[in-house]
Amino acid sequence: MHGVLLVDDHAEFRAFARGLITSAGYLVIAEAADGSAALRAAELHHPEIVVLDIRLPDMSGLEVARRLKAGHDAPVVILISSGDPREYEQVAREAGARGFIAKADLTAAALRLLADRL
């Protein structure tokens, strides 16, 4: 079972996403509400997958993704946002993310489609 780090600044959304991630067959091993906490959690827990909001209070999720991908044994990063997917798909790939899912389109199937290419 793949371990997932879930990063979003809204606790209610994290609870919703945790349910989706679990129903997709993954284990949420850590959560973070901002970029700095996400980087610390990734270093501590070594997740295989990071579901990462682009808009965080202290730094962009794109910057977090770049830092994660630059590290040793980099996880699969899936970026999420409430923004328009056309706006983020290319920048997500440029940041080293596996892909982008709009929060409104986040489902177990959409998550598996990107994450199962481990």
Protein backbone atom coordinates (compact mmCIF):
# COMPACT_ATOMS: atom_id res chain seq x y z
CA MET A 1 0.00 0.00 0.00
CA HIS A 2 1.45 3.35 -1.05
CA GLY A 3 1.89 6.04 1.60
CA VAL A 4 0.47 9.48 0.80
CA LEU A 5 1.29 12.92 2.18
CA LEU A 6 -1.78 15.17 1.86
CA VAL A 7 -1.12 18.92 1.74
CA ASP A 8 -3.90 21.51 1.83
CA ASP A 9 -4.49 24.53 4.06
CA HIS A 10 -8.18 23.74 4.63
CA ALA A 11 -8.87 21.06 7.25
CA GLU A 12 -12.33 20.35 5.81
CA PHE A 13 -10.90 19.65 2.37
CA ARG A 14 -8.16 17.46 3.86
CA ALA A 15 -10.85 15.37 5.58
CA PHE A 16 -12.73 15.00 2.28
CA ALA A 17 -9.57 14.18 0.32
CA ARG A 18 -8.39 11.72 2.99
CA GLY A 19 -11.59 9.74 2.41
CA LEU A 20 -11.02 9.71 -1.36
CA ILE A 21 -7.39 8.70 -0.99
CA THR A 22 -8.31 5.88 1.36
CA SER A 23 -11.11 4.69 -0.92
CA ALA A 24 -8.58 4.60 -3.79
CA GLY A 25 -6.56 2.07 -1.79
CA TYR A 26 -3.81 4.33 -0.46
CA LEU A 27 -2.76 5.13 3.10
CA VAL A 28 -2.52 8.75 4.27
CA ILE A 29 0.65 8.67 6.37
CA ALA A 30 0.87 12.42 7.04
CA GLU A 31 -0.92 15.72 6.47
CA ALA A 32 0.30 19.30 6.27
CA ALA A 33 -1.40 22.68 6.07
CA ASP A 34 1.43 24.66 4.43
CA GLY A 35 4.52 24.22 2.32
CA SER A 36 7.07 24.29 5.12
CA ALA A 37 5.19 21.61 7.05
CA ALA A 38 4.87 19.58 3.85
CA LEU A 39 8.62 19.60 3.27
CA ARG A 40 9.26 18.56 6.90
CA ALA A 41 6.63 15.80 6.69
CA ALA A 42 8.09 14.49 3.44
CA GLU A 43 11.55 14.35 5.00
CA LEU A 44 10.23 12.56 8.08
CA HIS A 45 7.73 10.13 6.52
CA HIS A 46 9.15 9.48 3.01
CA PRO A 47 5.79 9.27 1.21
CA GLU A 48 5.59 7.61 -2.16
CA ILE A 49 2.85 10.03 -3.28
CA VAL A 50 2.20 13.67 -2.37
CA VAL A 51 -1.22 15.19 -3.08
CA LEU A 52 -0.39 18.88 -2.98
CA ASP A 53 -2.50 22.02 -3.20
CA ILE A 54 -1.00 24.71 -5.40
CA ARG A 55 -2.22 27.58 -3.23
CA LEU A 56 -0.66 27.41 0.23
CA PRO A 57 -0.28 30.21 2.79
CA ASP A 58 3.52 30.29 2.99
CA MET A 59 4.74 29.23 -0.45
CA SER A 60 3.37 27.95 -3.72
CA GLY A 61 2.69 24.26 -4.07
CA LEU A 62 4.67 24.53 -7.30
CA GLU A 63 7.75 25.50 -5.27
CA VAL A 64 7.11 22.62 -2.85
CA ALA A 65 6.85 20.24 -5.82
CA ARG A 66 10.14 21.51 -7.26
CA ARG A 67 11.91 21.02 -3.92
CA LEU A 68 10.46 17.54 -3.48
CA LYS A 69 11.48 16.49 -6.98
CA ALA A 70 15.01 17.81 -6.43
CA GLY A 71 15.50 15.58 -3.39
CA HIS A 72 16.77 12.03 -3.15
CA ASP A 73 14.09 9.36 -3.67
CA ALA A 74 11.53 11.93 -4.86
CA PRO A 75 7.84 11.05 -4.45
CA VAL A 76 5.18 11.17 -7.13
CA VAL A 77 3.58 14.61 -6.83
CA ILE A 78 -0.02 15.23 -7.84
CA LEU A 79 -1.01 18.88 -7.73
CA ILE A 80 -4.55 19.98 -6.93
CA SER A 81 -6.30 23.34 -6.92
CA SER A 82 -9.72 24.88 -7.28
CA GLY A 83 -8.38 26.77 -10.30
CA ASP A 84 -8.91 26.04 -13.97
CA PRO A 85 -7.08 22.85 -15.07
CA ARG A 86 -6.04 24.48 -18.35
CA GLU A 87 -4.15 27.05 -16.30
CA TYR A 88 -2.21 24.50 -14.26
CA GLU A 89 -1.57 21.35 -16.31
CA GLN A 90 1.56 22.65 -18.04
CA VAL A 91 3.04 24.40 -14.99
CA ALA A 92 2.41 21.26 -12.93
CA ARG A 93 4.56 19.22 -15.31
CA GLU A 94 7.21 21.95 -15.38
CA ALA A 95 7.37 21.77 -11.57
CA GLY A 96 8.02 18.03 -11.78
CA ALA A 97 4.51 16.88 -10.85
CA ARG A 98 3.01 13.74 -12.35
CA GLY A 99 -0.11 15.74 -13.13
CA PHE A 100 -2.87 18.05 -11.99
CA ILE A 101 -6.41 17.36 -10.78
CA ALA A 102 -8.93 20.13 -10.16
CA LYS A 103 -10.38 19.80 -6.67
CA ALA A 104 -13.87 19.54 -8.18
CA ASP A 105 -12.67 16.56 -10.25
CA LEU A 106 -10.78 14.78 -7.46
CA THR A 107 -12.05 11.22 -7.33
CA ALA A 108 -10.54 7.88 -6.38
CA ALA A 109 -10.40 6.96 -10.08
CA ALA A 110 -8.65 10.22 -11.08
CA LEU A 111 -6.11 9.77 -8.30
CA ARG A 112 -5.41 6.15 -9.26
CA LEU A 113 -5.00 7.13 -12.92
CA LEU A 114 -2.05 9.38 -12.04
CA ALA A 115 -0.63 7.60 -9.00
CA ASP A 116 -0.70 4.03 -10.30
CA ARG A 117 2.10 4.73 -12.73
CA LEU A 118 4.59 4.30 -9.87
